[in-house]
C-alpha atoms as a PDB file:
ATOM      1  CA  MET A   1       0.000   0.000   0.000  1.00  0.00           C
ATOM      2  CA  LYS A   2       1.379   3.397  -0.958  1.00  0.00           C
ATOM      3  CA  LYS A   3       2.229   5.853   1.776  1.00  0.00           C
ATOM      4  CA  THR A   4      -0.473   8.241   0.593  1.00  0.00           C
ATOM      5  CA  GLY A   5      -3.074   5.553   1.080  1.00  0.00           C
ATOM      6  CA  GLN A   6      -1.751   4.758   4.544  1.00  0.00           C
ATOM      7  CA  ILE A   7      -1.986   8.406   5.582  1.00  0.00           C
ATOM      8  CA  LYS A   8      -5.501   8.738   4.208  1.00  0.00           C
ATOM      9  CA  ALA A   9      -6.504   5.657   6.195  1.00  0.00           C
ATOM     10  CA  LEU A  10      -5.608   7.333   9.492  1.00  0.00           C
ATOM     11  CA  LYS A  11      -8.652   8.211  11.584  1.00  0.00           C
ATOM     12  CA  THR A  12      -9.245  11.690  12.904  1.00  0.00           C
ATOM     13  CA  GLY A  13     -10.628  12.385  16.355  1.00  0.00           C
ATOM     14  CA  ASN A  14      -7.606  11.178  18.319  1.00  0.00           C
ATOM     15  CA  GLY A  15      -5.694  14.464  18.335  1.00  0.00           C
ATOM     16  CA  ILE A  16      -2.811  16.036  16.433  1.00  0.00           C
ATOM     17  CA  GLN A  17      -0.143  14.115  18.332  1.00  0.00           C
ATOM     18  CA  TYR A  18      -1.681  10.793  17.295  1.00  0.00           C
ATOM     19  CA  LEU A  19      -1.632  11.826  13.636  1.00  0.00           C
ATOM     20  CA  LEU A  20       1.990  12.948  13.799  1.00  0.00           C
ATOM     21  CA  ASP A  21       3.153   9.793  15.597  1.00  0.00           C
ATOM     22  CA  ALA A  22       1.367   7.585  13.067  1.00  0.00           C
ATOM     23  CA  ALA A  23       2.649   9.618  10.109  1.00  0.00           C
ATOM     24  CA  TYR A  24       6.218   9.457  11.425  1.00  0.00           C
ATOM     25  CA  LYS A  25       6.049   5.664  11.426  1.00  0.00           C
ATOM     26  CA  ILE A  26       4.794   5.719   7.835  1.00  0.00           C
ATOM     27  CA  LEU A  27       7.066   8.401   6.363  1.00  0.00           C
ATOM     28  CA  GLY A  28      10.137   8.089   8.577  1.00  0.00           C
ATOM     29  CA  ASN A  29      10.623  11.860   8.545  1.00  0.00           C
ATOM     30  CA  PRO A  30      10.462  14.269  11.512  1.00  0.00           C
ATOM     31  CA  ILE A  31       7.216  16.245  11.510  1.00  0.00           C
ATOM     32  CA  VAL A  32       6.215  19.304  13.529  1.00  0.00           C
ATOM     33  CA  VAL A  33       3.108  21.473  13.850  1.00  0.00           C
ATOM     34  CA  PHE A  34       3.247  25.068  15.108  1.00  0.00           C
ATOM     35  CA  ASP A  35       0.703  27.876  15.098  1.00  0.00           C
ATOM     36  CA  THR A  36       0.935  31.021  12.999  1.00  0.00           C
ATOM     37  CA  GLY A  37       2.471  32.778  15.989  1.00  0.00           C
ATOM     38  CA  CYS A  38       5.361  30.281  15.682  1.00  0.00           C
ATOM     39  CA  SER A  39       4.519  28.468  18.926  1.00  0.00           C
ATOM     40  CA  LEU A  40       5.053  24.703  19.067  1.00  0.00           C
ATOM     41  CA  ILE A  41       1.917  22.527  19.112  1.00  0.00           C
ATOM     42  CA  ALA A  42       3.180  18.969  18.556  1.00  0.00           C
ATOM     43  CA  TYR A  43       6.011  17.042  16.918  1.00  0.00           C
ATOM     44  CA  ALA A  44       7.169  13.497  16.151  1.00  0.00           C
ATOM     45  CA  GLY A  45      10.686  12.253  15.486  1.00  0.00           C
ATOM     46  CA  THR A  46      14.009  14.050  15.884  1.00  0.00           C
ATOM     47  CA  ALA A  47      16.173  16.179  13.595  1.00  0.00           C
ATOM     48  CA  ASN A  48      19.147  17.148  15.747  1.00  0.00           C
ATOM     49  CA  GLU A  49      21.174  18.132  12.693  1.00  0.00           C
ATOM     50  CA  ASP A  50      18.618  20.800  11.786  1.00  0.00           C
ATOM     51  CA  PRO A  51      19.086  24.061  13.777  1.00  0.00           C
ATOM     52  CA  LEU A  52      15.567  25.352  13.118  1.00  0.00           C
ATOM     53  CA  TRP A  53      14.063  22.119  14.384  1.00  0.00           C
ATOM     54  CA  ASN A  54      16.218  22.242  17.503  1.00  0.00           C
ATOM     55  CA  THR A  55      15.184  25.805  18.316  1.00  0.00           C
ATOM     56  CA  LEU A  56      11.472  25.128  17.880  1.00  0.00           C
ATOM     57  CA  VAL A  57      11.418  21.891  19.861  1.00  0.00           C
ATOM     58  CA  SER A  58      13.726  23.027  22.658  1.00  0.00           C
ATOM     59  CA  THR A  59      12.299  26.525  23.201  1.00  0.00           C
ATOM     60  CA  GLY A  60       8.724  26.119  22.001  1.00  0.00           C
ATOM     61  CA  GLY A  61       9.035  28.766  19.293  1.00  0.00           C
ATOM     62  CA  PHE A  62      11.230  30.625  16.827  1.00  0.00           C
ATOM     63  CA  GLY A  63      13.431  33.556  17.802  1.00  0.00           C
ATOM     64  CA  ARG A  64      14.274  36.787  16.043  1.00  0.00           C
ATOM     65  CA  ALA A  65      17.276  35.290  14.246  1.00  0.00           C
ATOM     66  CA  ASP A  66      15.116  32.449  12.902  1.00  0.00           C
ATOM     67  CA  LEU A  67      12.481  34.825  11.555  1.00  0.00           C
ATOM     68  CA  GLU A  68      15.163  36.931   9.892  1.00  0.00           C
ATOM     69  CA  PHE A  69      16.610  33.757   8.356  1.00  0.00           C
ATOM     70  CA  PHE A  70      13.164  32.838   6.958  1.00  0.00           C
ATOM     71  CA  SER A  71      12.917  36.276   5.402  1.00  0.00           C
ATOM     72  CA  ALA A  72      16.449  36.228   3.953  1.00  0.00           C
ATOM     73  CA  GLU A  73      15.939  32.780   2.432  1.00  0.00           C
ATOM     74  CA  ARG A  74      12.559  33.889   1.044  1.00  0.00           C
ATOM     75  CA  PHE A  75      10.781  31.228   3.078  1.00  0.00           C
ATOM     76  CA  THR A  76       8.364  33.878   4.309  1.00  0.00           C
ATOM     77  CA  GLU A  77       7.485  34.894   0.768  1.00  0.00           C
ATOM     78  CA  SER A  78       7.122  31.283  -0.375  1.00  0.00           C
ATOM     79  CA  VAL A  79       4.821  30.379   2.502  1.00  0.00           C
ATOM     80  CA  ALA A  80       2.722  33.509   2.055  1.00  0.00           C
ATOM     81  CA  ASN A  81       2.200  32.756  -1.640  1.00  0.00           C
ATOM     82  CA  ALA A  82       1.445  29.069  -1.072  1.00  0.00           C
ATOM     83  CA  ASP A  83      -2.200  28.146  -1.062  1.00  0.00           C
ATOM     84  CA  LYS A  84      -1.616  24.786   0.575  1.00  0.00           C
ATOM     85  CA  MET A  85       1.869  23.262   0.336  1.00  0.00           C
ATOM     86  CA  VAL A  86       5.377  24.489  -0.480  1.00  0.00           C
ATOM     87  CA  VAL A  87       8.858  22.927  -0.651  1.00  0.00           C
ATOM     88  CA  MET A  88      11.595  25.031   0.967  1.00  0.00           C
ATOM     89  CA  LYS A  89      15.254  24.624   0.018  1.00  0.00           C
ATOM     90  CA  SER A  90      18.332  26.377   1.358  1.00  0.00           C
ATOM     91  CA  ASP A  91      22.063  25.882   0.973  1.00  0.00           C
ATOM     92  CA  LYS A  92      22.361  26.626   4.685  1.00  0.00           C
ATOM     93  CA  LEU A  93      20.198  23.660   5.697  1.00  0.00           C
ATOM     94  CA  LYS A  94      21.160  20.014   5.306  1.00  0.00           C
ATOM     95  CA  TYR A  95      17.667  18.840   4.344  1.00  0.00           C
ATOM     96  CA  ASP A  96      14.784  20.247   2.351  1.00  0.00           C
ATOM     97  CA  ARG A  97      11.512  20.746   4.173  1.00  0.00           C
ATOM     98  CA  VAL A  98       7.905  20.599   3.054  1.00  0.00           C
ATOM     99  CA  LEU A  99       5.368  22.934   4.635  1.00  0.00           C
ATOM    100  CA  GLY A 100       1.592  22.771   4.573  1.00  0.00           C
ATOM    101  CA  ASN A 101      -0.925  25.310   5.830  1.00  0.00           C
ATOM    102  CA  ILE A 102      -3.586  24.279   8.351  1.00  0.00           C
ATOM    103  CA  VAL A 103      -6.862  26.220   8.329  1.00  0.00           C
ATOM    104  CA  ASN A 104      -9.827  26.335  10.674  1.00  0.00           C
ATOM    105  CA  ARG A 105     -13.493  26.207   9.698  1.00  0.00           C
ATOM    106  CA  GLU A 106     -13.432  29.899   8.749  1.00  0.00           C
ATOM    107  CA  ARG A 107     -10.587  29.181   6.320  1.00  0.00           C
ATOM    108  CA  ILE A 108      -8.168  31.225   8.428  1.00  0.00           C
ATOM    109  CA  LYS A 109      -4.608  29.900   8.451  1.00  0.00           C
ATOM    110  CA  VAL A 110      -4.031  29.010  12.083  1.00  0.00           C
ATOM    111  CA  ALA A 111      -1.119  26.558  11.972  1.00  0.00           C
ATOM    112  CA  ARG A 112       1.611  25.052   9.815  1.00  0.00           C
ATOM    113  CA  ILE A 113       2.903  21.522   9.476  1.00  0.00           C
ATOM    114  CA  VAL A 114       6.501  20.904   8.405  1.00  0.00           C
ATOM    115  CA  MET A 115       8.264  17.684   7.439  1.00  0.00           C
ATOM    116  CA  ILE A 116      12.086  17.513   7.361  1.00  0.00           C
ATOM    117  CA  GLU A 117      12.873  15.434   4.276  1.00  0.00           C
ATOM    118  CA  ARG A 118      15.657  13.144   5.454  1.00  0.00           C
ATOM    119  CA  GLU A 119      13.860  10.449   3.472  1.00  0.00           C
ATOM    120  CA  SER A 120      12.210  11.696   0.275  1.00  0.00           C
ATOM    121  CA  GLY A 121      11.752   8.470  -1.602  1.00  0.00           C
ATOM    122  CA  ALA A 122      13.902   9.800  -4.437  1.00  0.00           C
ATOM    123  CA  CYS A 123      16.182   6.782  -4.241  1.00  0.00           C
ATOM    124  CA  CYS A 124      13.236   4.622  -5.233  1.00  0.00           C
ATOM    125  CA  GLY A 125      12.428   6.641  -8.332  1.00  0.00           C
ATOM    126  CA  ALA A 126      10.246   9.628  -9.197  1.00  0.00           C
ATOM    127  CA  GLU A 127       6.995   7.808  -8.476  1.00  0.00           C
ATOM    128  CA  CYS A 128       8.060   7.003  -4.916  1.00  0.00           C
ATOM    129  CA  GLY A 129       9.209  10.579  -4.371  1.00  0.00           C
ATOM    130  CA  GLN A 130       5.848  11.876  -5.561  1.00  0.00           C
ATOM    131  CA  ASP A 131       4.155   9.480  -3.148  1.00  0.00           C
ATOM    132  CA  PHE A 132       6.069  11.030  -0.227  1.00  0.00           C
ATOM    133  CA  ARG A 133       4.913  14.512  -1.173  1.00  0.00           C
ATOM    134  CA  ALA A 134       1.331  13.390  -1.803  1.00  0.00           C
ATOM    135  CA  ALA A 135       1.322  11.580   1.544  1.00  0.00           C
ATOM    136  CA  PHE A 136       2.456  14.743   3.315  1.00  0.00           C
ATOM    137  CA  GLU A 137      -0.283  16.758   1.606  1.00  0.00           C
ATOM    138  CA  ALA A 138      -2.799  14.163   2.758  1.00  0.00           C
ATOM    139  CA  LEU A 139      -1.411  14.520   6.289  1.00  0.00           C
ATOM    140  CA  ALA A 140      -1.926  18.289   6.171  1.00  0.00           C
ATOM    141  CA  ASP A 141      -5.537  17.616   5.182  1.00  0.00           C
ATOM    142  CA  LYS A 142      -5.886  15.206   8.102  1.00  0.00           C
ATOM    143  CA  VAL A 143      -4.613  17.757  10.597  1.00  0.00           C
ATOM    144  CA  THR A 144      -6.952  20.363   9.091  1.00  0.00           C
ATOM    145  CA  ASP A 145      -9.869  17.950   9.524  1.00  0.00           C
ATOM    146  CA  GLU A 146      -8.736  17.334  13.108  1.00  0.00           C
ATOM    147  CA  ILE A 147      -8.818  20.999  14.117  1.00  0.00           C
ATOM    148  CA  ARG A 148     -11.449  22.416  11.750  1.00  0.00           C
ATOM    149  CA  ASP A 149     -14.248  22.489  14.332  1.00  0.00           C
ATOM    150  CA  ASP A 150     -12.023  22.834  17.378  1.00  0.00           C
ATOM    151  CA  ASN A 151     -13.184  25.793  19.469  1.00  0.00           C
ATOM    152  CA  TYR A 152      -9.622  26.818  20.334  1.00  0.00           C
ATOM    153  CA  PHE A 153      -8.455  27.028  16.731  1.00  0.00           C
ATOM    154  CA  THR A 154     -11.658  28.764  15.645  1.00  0.00           C
ATOM    155  CA  ALA A 155     -11.129  31.452  18.276  1.00  0.00           C
ATOM    156  CA  TYR A 156      -7.366  31.519  17.728  1.00  0.00           C
ATOM    157  CA  GLY A 157      -7.679  32.730  14.144  1.00  0.00           C
ATOM    158  CA  ARG A 158      -9.702  35.754  15.185  1.00  0.00           C
ATOM    159  CA  THR A 159      -7.645  36.424  18.303  1.00  0.00           C
ATOM    160  CA  TYR A 160      -4.432  36.272  16.297  1.00  0.00           C
ATOM    161  CA  HIS A 161      -5.646  38.880  13.818  1.00  0.00           C
ATOM    162  CA  ASP A 162      -6.789  41.091  16.681  1.00  0.00           C
ATOM    163  CA  SER A 163      -3.425  40.880  18.443  1.00  0.00           C
ATOM    164  CA  ILE A 164      -1.397  41.635  15.302  1.00  0.00           C
ATOM    165  CA  ILE A 165      -3.538  44.677  14.451  1.00  0.00           C
ATOM    166  CA  LYS A 166      -3.085  46.019  17.972  1.00  0.00           C
ATOM    167  CA  LYS A 167       0.678  45.446  17.857  1.00  0.00           C
ATOM    168  CA  ILE A 168       0.899  47.416  14.614  1.00  0.00           C
ATOM    169  CA  LEU A 169      -1.183  50.241  16.079  1.00  0.00           C
ATOM    170  CA  ASP A 170       0.919  50.261  19.255  1.00  0.00           C
ATOM    171  CA  GLN A 171       3.997  50.287  17.008  1.00  0.00           C
ATOM    172  CA  GLU A 172       5.358  47.134  18.612  1.00  0.00           C
ATOM    173  CA  ILE A 173       5.619  45.741  15.102  1.00  0.00           C
ATOM    174  CA  THR A 174       7.900  47.916  12.982  1.00  0.00           C
ATOM    175  CA  ASP A 175      10.448  45.427  11.667  1.00  0.00           C
ATOM    176  CA  PRO A 176       9.377  43.653   8.443  1.00  0.00           C
ATOM    177  CA  ALA A 177      12.328  41.257   8.657  1.00  0.00           C
ATOM    178  CA  ARG A 178      11.059  39.978  11.969  1.00  0.00           C
ATOM    179  CA  TYR A 179       7.301  40.222  11.616  1.00  0.00           C
ATOM    180  CA  ALA A 180       6.593  39.759   7.910  1.00  0.00           C
ATOM    181  CA  ALA A 181       5.525  36.163   8.495  1.00  0.00           C
ATOM    182  CA  HIS A 182       3.029  37.286  11.132  1.00  0.00           C
ATOM    183  CA  VAL A 183       1.699  40.331   9.320  1.00  0.00           C
ATOM    184  CA  GLN A 184       1.237  38.372   6.097  1.00  0.00           C
ATOM    185  CA  ILE A 185      -1.568  36.449   7.807  1.00  0.00           C
ATOM    186  CA  LEU A 186      -3.671  39.618   7.689  1.00  0.00           C
ATOM    187  CA  TYR A 187      -3.579  39.565   3.886  1.00  0.00           C
ATOM    188  CA  ASP A 188      -4.818  35.984   3.533  1.00  0.00           C
ATOM    189  CA  GLY A 189      -8.209  35.689   1.912  1.00  0.00           C
ATOM    190  CA  PHE A 190      -8.241  39.265   0.631  1.00  0.00           C
ATOM    191  CA  GLU A 191      -8.719  40.449  -2.904  1.00  0.00           C
ATOM    192  CA  ASP A 192      -6.654  43.029  -4.789  1.00  0.00           C
ATOM    193  CA  TYR A 193      -7.195  46.185  -2.747  1.00  0.00           C
ATOM    194  CA  LEU A 194      -7.154  46.719   1.004  1.00  0.00           C
ATOM    195  CA  TYR A 195      -9.151  49.312   2.923  1.00  0.00           C
ATOM    196  CA  LEU A 196      -9.415  50.252   6.548  1.00  0.00           C
ATOM    197  CA  ALA A 197     -12.731  51.083   8.236  1.00  0.00           C
ATOM    198  CA  VAL A 198     -12.750  52.626  11.691  1.00  0.00           C
ATOM    199  CA  VAL A 199     -16.142  52.425  13.395  1.00  0.00           C
ATOM    200  CA  ASP A 200     -17.073  54.697  16.282  1.00  0.00           C
ATOM    201  CA  VAL A 201     -18.905  52.463  18.761  1.00  0.00           C
ATOM    202  CA  GLN A 202     -19.103  55.261  21.327  1.00  0.00           C
ATOM    203  CA  ASN A 203     -21.909  56.870  19.343  1.00  0.00           C
ATOM    204  CA  SER A 204     -23.900  53.672  18.966  1.00  0.00           C
ATOM    205  CA  MET A 205     -27.081  52.543  20.712  1.00  0.00           C
ATOM    206  CA  ASN A 206     -24.918  49.863  22.375  1.00  0.00           C
ATOM    207  CA  ARG A 207     -22.170  52.234  23.479  1.00  0.00           C
ATOM    208  CA  GLY A 208     -21.936  50.414  26.805  1.00  0.00           C
ATOM    209  CA  ASN A 209     -21.052  47.121  25.121  1.00  0.00           C
ATOM    210  CA  PRO A 210     -18.465  47.595  22.338  1.00  0.00           C
ATOM    211  CA  GLU A 211     -17.854  43.842  22.153  1.00  0.00           C
ATOM    212  CA  HIS A 212     -21.483  43.445  21.126  1.00  0.00           C
ATOM    213  CA  ILE A 213     -20.861  45.761  18.177  1.00  0.00           C
ATOM    214  CA  ARG A 214     -17.714  43.857  17.273  1.00  0.00           C
ATOM    215  CA  ASP A 215     -19.591  40.549  17.305  1.00  0.00           C
ATOM    216  CA  LEU A 216     -22.397  42.083  15.255  1.00  0.00           C
ATOM    217  CA  LEU A 217     -20.013  43.285  12.574  1.00  0.00           C
ATOM    218  CA  MET A 218     -18.126  39.997  12.647  1.00  0.00           C
ATOM    219  CA  ARG A 219     -21.315  38.135  11.812  1.00  0.00           C
ATOM    220  CA  LYS A 220     -22.194  40.618   9.087  1.00  0.00           C
ATOM    221  CA  TYR A 221     -18.719  40.804   7.549  1.00  0.00           C
ATOM    222  CA  PRO A 222     -17.019  37.488   8.429  1.00  0.00           C
ATOM    223  CA  LEU A 223     -14.169  37.867   5.930  1.00  0.00           C
ATOM    224  CA  PHE A 224     -12.902  41.142   7.414  1.00  0.00           C
ATOM    225  CA  LYS A 225     -10.152  41.318  10.026  1.00  0.00           C
ATOM    226  CA  PHE A 226     -11.303  42.989  13.248  1.00  0.00           C
ATOM    227  CA  ALA A 227      -9.793  44.573  16.330  1.00  0.00           C
ATOM    228  CA  MET A 228     -11.048  46.668  19.234  1.00  0.00           C
ATOM    229  CA  TYR A 229      -8.777  49.621  19.877  1.00  0.00           C
ATOM    230  CA  SER A 230      -9.343  52.690  22.066  1.00  0.00           C
ATOM    231  CA  GLY A 231     -13.108  52.430  21.914  1.00  0.00           C
ATOM    232  CA  TYR A 232     -13.261  51.919  18.156  1.00  0.00           C
ATOM    233  CA  VAL A 233     -13.691  48.878  15.951  1.00  0.00           C
ATOM    234  CA  LEU A 234     -11.131  48.480  13.179  1.00  0.00           C
ATOM    235  CA  MET A 235     -11.979  46.444  10.110  1.00  0.00           C
ATOM    236  CA  ILE A 236      -9.426  45.611   7.451  1.00  0.00           C
ATOM    237  CA  MET A 237     -11.451  44.890   4.335  1.00  0.00           C
ATOM    238  CA  SER A 238     -10.844  44.274   0.655  1.00  0.00           C
ATOM    239  CA  SER A 239     -12.289  44.843  -2.765  1.00  0.00           C
ATOM    240  CA  THR A 240     -11.643  43.766  -6.332  1.00  0.00           C
ATOM    241  CA  THR A 241     -11.640  47.416  -7.377  1.00  0.00           C
ATOM    242  CA  ASP A 242      -9.676  50.453  -6.241  1.00  0.00           C
ATOM    243  CA  ARG A 243     -12.885  52.492  -6.318  1.00  0.00           C
ATOM    244  CA  PHE A 244     -14.434  51.481  -3.041  1.00  0.00           C
ATOM    245  CA  SER A 245     -18.206  51.864  -2.941  1.00  0.00           C
ATOM    246  CA  PRO A 246     -19.705  52.207   0.550  1.00  0.00           C
ATOM    247  CA  GLY A 247     -23.074  51.166  -0.815  1.00  0.00           C
ATOM    248  CA  TRP A 248     -21.685  47.943  -2.207  1.00  0.00           C
ATOM    249  CA  ILE A 249     -20.552  46.493   1.114  1.00  0.00           C
ATOM    250  CA  LEU A 250     -22.027  48.700   3.802  1.00  0.00           C
ATOM    251  CA  GLY A 251     -25.254  50.153   2.446  1.00  0.00           C
ATOM    252  CA  ASP A 252     -27.941  47.460   2.319  1.00  0.00           C
ATOM    253  CA  ALA A 253     -31.212  47.704   4.231  1.00  0.00           C
ATOM    254  CA  GLU A 254     -30.076  45.395   7.023  1.00  0.00           C
ATOM    255  CA  ASN A 255     -26.850  47.261   7.545  1.00  0.00           C
ATOM    256  CA  PRO A 256     -25.688  47.169  11.180  1.00  0.00           C
ATOM    257  CA  PHE A 257     -24.095  50.612  10.788  1.00  0.00           C
ATOM    258  CA  GLU A 258     -27.407  52.305  10.101  1.00  0.00           C
ATOM    259  CA  ARG A 259     -29.372  50.108  12.463  1.00  0.00           C
ATOM    260  CA  ASN A 260     -27.057  50.899  15.380  1.00  0.00           C
ATOM    261  CA  ASN A 261     -26.400  54.553  14.521  1.00  0.00           C
ATOM    262  CA  LEU A 262     -22.691  53.886  13.970  1.00  0.00           C
ATOM    263  CA  PHE A 263     -20.171  56.213  12.429  1.00  0.00           C
ATOM    264  CA  ALA A 264     -17.537  54.814  10.074  1.00  0.00           C
ATOM    265  CA  VAL A 265     -14.658  56.181   8.062  1.00  0.00           C
ATOM    266  CA  VAL A 266     -13.303  54.158   5.136  1.00  0.00           C
ATOM    267  CA  SER A 267      -9.822  54.708   3.759  1.00  0.00           C
ATOM    268  CA  SER A 268      -8.625  54.624   0.208  1.00  0.00           C
ATOM    269  CA  SER A 269      -6.598  51.551  -0.713  1.00  0.00           C
ATOM    270  CA  PHE A 270      -3.183  51.204   0.900  1.00  0.00           C
ATOM    271  CA  GLU A 271      -0.192  48.982   0.305  1.00  0.00           C
ATOM    272  CA  ASN A 272       1.923  49.061   3.454  1.00  0.00           C
ATOM    273  CA  ILE A 273       0.142  47.543   6.418  1.00  0.00           C
ATOM    274  CA  TYR A 274       2.987  48.657   8.671  1.00  0.00           C
ATOM    275  CA  GLU A 275       1.566  52.174   8.245  1.00  0.00           C
ATOM    276  CA  LEU A 276      -1.738  51.102   9.774  1.00  0.00           C
ATOM    277  CA  ARG A 277      -1.228  53.500  12.682  1.00  0.00           C
ATOM    278  CA  LYS A 278      -1.092  56.461  10.298  1.00  0.00           C
ATOM    279  CA  TYR A 279      -4.367  55.426   8.657  1.00  0.00           C
ATOM    280  CA  TYR A 280      -5.958  54.925  12.038  1.00  0.00           C
ATOM    281  CA  ASP A 281      -4.942  58.388  13.250  1.00  0.00           C
ATOM    282  CA  GLU A 282      -6.306  59.962  10.073  1.00  0.00           C
ATOM    283  CA  ALA A 283      -9.581  58.092  10.484  1.00  0.00           C
ATOM    284  CA  ILE A 284     -10.024  59.210  14.074  1.00  0.00           C
ATOM    285  CA  ALA A 285      -9.353  62.800  13.049  1.00  0.00           C
ATOM    286  CA  ALA A 286     -12.039  62.506  10.377  1.00  0.00           C
ATOM    287  CA  LEU A 287     -14.510  60.932  12.801  1.00  0.00           C
ATOM    288  CA  LYS A 288     -14.026  63.769  15.267  1.00  0.00           C
ATOM    289  CA  SER A 289     -14.452  66.442  12.648  1.00  0.00           C
ATOM    290  CA  GLU A 290     -17.678  68.389  13.094  1.00  0.00           C
ATOM    291  CA  SER A 291     -18.243  68.749   9.382  1.00  0.00           C
ATOM    292  CA  VAL A 292     -19.399  65.797   7.303  1.00  0.00           C
ATOM    293  CA  ARG A 293     -17.914  66.185   3.879  1.00  0.00           C
ATOM    294  CA  THR A 294     -15.803  64.509   1.249  1.00  0.00           C
ATOM    295  CA  GLN A 295     -12.748  66.521   0.412  1.00  0.00           C
ATOM    296  CA  SER A 296     -11.377  66.266  -3.097  1.00  0.00           C
ATOM    297  CA  GLY A 297      -8.388  63.960  -3.096  1.00  0.00           C
ATOM    298  CA  ALA A 298      -8.764  63.121   0.605  1.00  0.00           C
ATOM    299  CA  ASN A 299      -7.819  59.662   1.817  1.00  0.00           C
ATOM    300  CA  TRP A 300     -10.837  59.368   4.081  1.00  0.00           C
ATOM    301  CA  ARG A 301     -14.590  59.639   3.736  1.00  0.00           C
ATOM    302  CA  ARG A 302     -17.218  59.580   6.441  1.00  0.00           C
ATOM    303  CA  ILE A 303     -20.171  57.381   5.651  1.00  0.00           C
ATOM    304  CA  PHE A 304     -23.508  56.888   7.401  1.00  0.00           C
ATOM    305  CA  HIS A 305     -24.128  59.966   9.474  1.00  0.00           C
ATOM    306  CA  HIS A 306     -27.430  60.378  11.311  1.00  0.00           C
END
């Protein structure tokens, strides 16, 4: 029986560690799973000759030097552009590694699975080598099935986005070489153009419960990235066009903005998410302005004023 078939035959419901232990016996390669914050979740096997493996397993995460190495070797870029699986090669590492993305039920990337290819099957011919890769892809699917409906991983995806947005706004994150892998998560699932909406919950009917407003918007706009910050809700949204239309996304009859007397400012498209703080400050200034107007060439517009 091919290795792919053996992996597909594994049953879910016994936990990630069970899947990794079983897969290690089948593939003979060290395997590790860590979340998108680079914190260790589970592993099977050993790879003492691999420095990245040693750091992750011994410390429970990757350090600054590791993240800078990923960026320099273009691992970060490769992973960000990979829909599901990617092979990473480096002259500085003894073995190649294969990485797969793990998503929760909301299709948010919440974890990554990596196999160190000490055994690739290449010695047995191309067909055997392809079986190794296909088996690993099947394993990534198994782990995804294992965590898809897990409450922790469902909440983790949202919490992770929230924490990264806040770190950018607090200017804790300013170093692309260190944080590019983390920040890239915010772009996943978006279309061509990004926008930022800042919603004033202090002027809403539910001003005493801003989390209620956040949950309301999350249900209405599940694909947006949200954060609560200084009494405002931030939404990072996207569009297929650079001419954002408030009516297209935010103007239907059941709109929670109108129903809850919310105030929102929507930015023009932007490219550098590290400048999120600048966009936020501009939005707050626009929200606090007494006049409601659209200035020619301005980056911000106020929408829905009652």
